[in-house]
């Protein structure tokens, strides 16, 4: 079992940037690490995921603007978000999916609000 704690959310202006961090209670190596988001009135959706050290996946809506990365030494996953838009407003959740069992773990989320 792994505990996940997100940080870095807040208020940003359109066109601005934010970097989210997700610190895991243990090694992130056994997990596919990802970021999801849930906007008001909408379902939770995948934003980005690290599949392997050389393979990442992104939602079409964030391709070219967001970048996911991981630091195994710090048990931390980041989501760099650039050129933010109001439609990026959501609660962002860190997700860890076991590579062996498929069991998923979630953080409590961090709110990102994009507004002028």
C-alpha atoms as a PDB file:
ATOM      1  CA  UNK A   1       0.000   0.000   0.000  1.00  0.00           C
ATOM      2  CA  UNK A   2       1.215   3.496  -0.757  1.00  0.00           C
ATOM      3  CA  UNK A   3       0.034   6.885   0.462  1.00  0.00           C
ATOM      4  CA  UNK A   4       0.087   9.796  -1.944  1.00  0.00           C
ATOM      5  CA  UNK A   5       0.165  13.489  -1.043  1.00  0.00           C
ATOM      6  CA  UNK A   6      -0.315  16.149  -3.696  1.00  0.00           C
ATOM      7  CA  UNK A   7       0.750  19.783  -3.512  1.00  0.00           C
ATOM      8  CA  UNK A   8       1.267  22.742  -5.793  1.00  0.00           C
ATOM      9  CA  UNK A   9      -2.271  23.602  -6.705  1.00  0.00           C
ATOM     10  CA  UNK A  10      -3.674  27.088  -6.477  1.00  0.00           C
ATOM     11  CA  UNK A  11      -4.865  30.016  -8.515  1.00  0.00           C
ATOM     12  CA  UNK A  12      -3.167  30.909 -11.766  1.00  0.00           C
ATOM     13  CA  UNK A  13      -3.999  33.213 -14.641  1.00  0.00           C
ATOM     14  CA  UNK A  14      -4.719  31.985 -18.155  1.00  0.00           C
ATOM     15  CA  UNK A  15      -1.439  31.418 -19.920  1.00  0.00           C
ATOM     16  CA  UNK A  16       0.356  30.833 -16.649  1.00  0.00           C
ATOM     17  CA  UNK A  17       2.095  27.799 -15.230  1.00  0.00           C
ATOM     18  CA  UNK A  18       1.903  25.588 -12.191  1.00  0.00           C
ATOM     19  CA  UNK A  19       3.845  22.536 -11.090  1.00  0.00           C
ATOM     20  CA  UNK A  20       2.105  19.865  -9.107  1.00  0.00           C
ATOM     21  CA  UNK A  21       4.006  17.416  -6.930  1.00  0.00           C
ATOM     22  CA  UNK A  22       2.952  14.034  -5.609  1.00  0.00           C
ATOM     23  CA  UNK A  23       5.031  12.495  -2.858  1.00  0.00           C
ATOM     24  CA  UNK A  24       4.604   8.781  -2.269  1.00  0.00           C
ATOM     25  CA  UNK A  25       5.157   7.091   1.088  1.00  0.00           C
ATOM     26  CA  UNK A  26       7.435   4.546  -0.564  1.00  0.00           C
ATOM     27  CA  UNK A  27       9.118   3.683  -3.816  1.00  0.00           C
ATOM     28  CA  UNK A  28       7.171   4.599  -6.946  1.00  0.00           C
ATOM     29  CA  UNK A  29       8.994   1.958  -8.980  1.00  0.00           C
ATOM     30  CA  UNK A  30       6.290  -0.732  -8.513  1.00  0.00           C
ATOM     31  CA  UNK A  31       3.604   1.591  -9.815  1.00  0.00           C
ATOM     32  CA  UNK A  32       2.391   3.253 -12.958  1.00  0.00           C
ATOM     33  CA  UNK A  33       2.165   6.822 -11.727  1.00  0.00           C
ATOM     34  CA  UNK A  34      -0.318   9.260 -13.143  1.00  0.00           C
ATOM     35  CA  UNK A  35      -2.328  12.400 -12.718  1.00  0.00           C
ATOM     36  CA  UNK A  36      -6.091  12.604 -13.093  1.00  0.00           C
ATOM     37  CA  UNK A  37      -8.410  15.562 -12.790  1.00  0.00           C
ATOM     38  CA  UNK A  38     -12.049  16.132 -12.057  1.00  0.00           C
ATOM     39  CA  UNK A  39     -13.774  19.341 -13.007  1.00  0.00           C
ATOM     40  CA  UNK A  40     -17.059  20.386 -11.391  1.00  0.00           C
ATOM     41  CA  UNK A  41     -19.913  18.325 -12.777  1.00  0.00           C
ATOM     42  CA  UNK A  42     -17.622  16.105 -14.807  1.00  0.00           C
ATOM     43  CA  UNK A  43     -16.131  12.652 -14.455  1.00  0.00           C
ATOM     44  CA  UNK A  44     -12.566  12.106 -13.369  1.00  0.00           C
ATOM     45  CA  UNK A  45     -10.270  11.844 -16.370  1.00  0.00           C
ATOM     46  CA  UNK A  46      -6.706  10.791 -17.008  1.00  0.00           C
ATOM     47  CA  UNK A  47      -4.368  13.720 -17.625  1.00  0.00           C
ATOM     48  CA  UNK A  48      -0.962  12.063 -17.868  1.00  0.00           C
ATOM     49  CA  UNK A  49       0.715   8.813 -16.941  1.00  0.00           C
ATOM     50  CA  UNK A  50       4.228   7.423 -16.744  1.00  0.00           C
ATOM     51  CA  UNK A  51       4.200   4.010 -18.364  1.00  0.00           C
ATOM     52  CA  UNK A  52       7.941   3.497 -18.344  1.00  0.00           C
ATOM     53  CA  UNK A  53      11.081   5.578 -18.088  1.00  0.00           C
ATOM     54  CA  UNK A  54      10.778   6.359 -21.791  1.00  0.00           C
ATOM     55  CA  UNK A  55       7.040   6.197 -22.333  1.00  0.00           C
ATOM     56  CA  UNK A  56       4.410   8.626 -21.153  1.00  0.00           C
ATOM     57  CA  UNK A  57       0.802   9.167 -22.129  1.00  0.00           C
ATOM     58  CA  UNK A  58      -1.236  12.356 -22.201  1.00  0.00           C
ATOM     59  CA  UNK A  59      -4.821  13.339 -22.705  1.00  0.00           C
ATOM     60  CA  UNK A  60      -5.294  15.107 -26.020  1.00  0.00           C
ATOM     61  CA  UNK A  61      -6.434  18.244 -24.204  1.00  0.00           C
ATOM     62  CA  UNK A  62      -3.066  18.696 -22.489  1.00  0.00           C
ATOM     63  CA  UNK A  63      -0.590  17.421 -25.089  1.00  0.00           C
ATOM     64  CA  UNK A  64       2.130  19.961 -25.702  1.00  0.00           C
ATOM     65  CA  UNK A  65       1.237  21.925 -22.560  1.00  0.00           C
ATOM     66  CA  UNK A  66       1.678  19.494 -19.678  1.00  0.00           C
ATOM     67  CA  UNK A  67       4.630  17.282 -18.842  1.00  0.00           C
ATOM     68  CA  UNK A  68       4.753  14.441 -16.327  1.00  0.00           C
ATOM     69  CA  UNK A  69       7.991  13.325 -14.756  1.00  0.00           C
ATOM     70  CA  UNK A  70       9.146  11.190 -11.896  1.00  0.00           C
ATOM     71  CA  UNK A  71      12.041  11.214  -9.459  1.00  0.00           C
ATOM     72  CA  UNK A  72      12.459   7.735  -8.026  1.00  0.00           C
ATOM     73  CA  UNK A  73      15.090   8.944  -5.578  1.00  0.00           C
ATOM     74  CA  UNK A  74      12.545  11.310  -4.036  1.00  0.00           C
ATOM     75  CA  UNK A  75       9.503   9.051  -4.514  1.00  0.00           C
ATOM     76  CA  UNK A  76       7.896  11.998  -6.251  1.00  0.00           C
ATOM     77  CA  UNK A  77       5.966  12.570  -9.448  1.00  0.00           C
ATOM     78  CA  UNK A  78       5.509  15.992 -10.983  1.00  0.00           C
ATOM     79  CA  UNK A  79       3.091  17.540 -13.395  1.00  0.00           C
ATOM     80  CA  UNK A  80       4.376  20.669 -15.070  1.00  0.00           C
ATOM     81  CA  UNK A  81       1.453  22.591 -16.479  1.00  0.00           C
ATOM     82  CA  UNK A  82       2.077  25.408 -18.934  1.00  0.00           C
ATOM     83  CA  UNK A  83      -0.148  27.696 -20.947  1.00  0.00           C
ATOM     84  CA  UNK A  84      -3.001  27.018 -18.567  1.00  0.00           C
ATOM     85  CA  UNK A  85      -6.563  27.693 -19.617  1.00  0.00           C
ATOM     86  CA  UNK A  86      -9.808  28.091 -17.657  1.00  0.00           C
ATOM     87  CA  UNK A  87     -10.873  24.623 -18.777  1.00  0.00           C
ATOM     88  CA  UNK A  88      -7.929  23.197 -16.845  1.00  0.00           C
ATOM     89  CA  UNK A  89      -9.694  24.185 -13.636  1.00  0.00           C
ATOM     90  CA  UNK A  90     -10.219  21.001 -11.638  1.00  0.00           C
ATOM     91  CA  UNK A  91      -9.130  18.993  -8.665  1.00  0.00           C
ATOM     92  CA  UNK A  92      -6.000  17.121  -9.672  1.00  0.00           C
ATOM     93  CA  UNK A  93      -5.390  13.686  -8.197  1.00  0.00           C
ATOM     94  CA  UNK A  94      -2.246  11.632  -8.057  1.00  0.00           C
ATOM     95  CA  UNK A  95      -2.723   7.957  -8.912  1.00  0.00           C
ATOM     96  CA  UNK A  96      -0.526   4.922  -8.412  1.00  0.00           C
ATOM     97  CA  UNK A  97      -1.463   1.663 -10.098  1.00  0.00           C
ATOM     98  CA  UNK A  98       0.394  -1.470  -9.089  1.00  0.00           C
ATOM     99  CA  UNK A  99       2.251  -2.972 -12.032  1.00  0.00           C
ATOM    100  CA  UNK A 100       1.557  -6.447 -10.691  1.00  0.00           C
ATOM    101  CA  UNK A 101      -1.906  -6.411  -9.098  1.00  0.00           C
ATOM    102  CA  UNK A 102      -3.525  -3.462 -10.825  1.00  0.00           C
ATOM    103  CA  UNK A 103      -4.676  -2.092  -7.481  1.00  0.00           C
ATOM    104  CA  UNK A 104      -4.935   1.678  -7.548  1.00  0.00           C
ATOM    105  CA  UNK A 105      -4.199   4.228  -4.879  1.00  0.00           C
ATOM    106  CA  UNK A 106      -5.271   7.844  -4.849  1.00  0.00           C
ATOM    107  CA  UNK A 107      -4.211  11.027  -3.194  1.00  0.00           C
ATOM    108  CA  UNK A 108      -6.741  13.461  -1.764  1.00  0.00           C
ATOM    109  CA  UNK A 109      -6.299  15.916  -4.589  1.00  0.00           C
ATOM    110  CA  UNK A 110      -5.161  19.482  -5.044  1.00  0.00           C
ATOM    111  CA  UNK A 111      -7.343  22.224  -6.495  1.00  0.00           C
ATOM    112  CA  UNK A 112      -6.191  24.118  -9.565  1.00  0.00           C
ATOM    113  CA  UNK A 113      -8.149  27.215 -10.513  1.00  0.00           C
ATOM    114  CA  UNK A 114      -7.407  29.134 -13.687  1.00  0.00           C
ATOM    115  CA  UNK A 115      -8.993  32.526 -13.754  1.00  0.00           C
ATOM    116  CA  UNK A 116      -8.149  36.117 -14.554  1.00  0.00           C
END
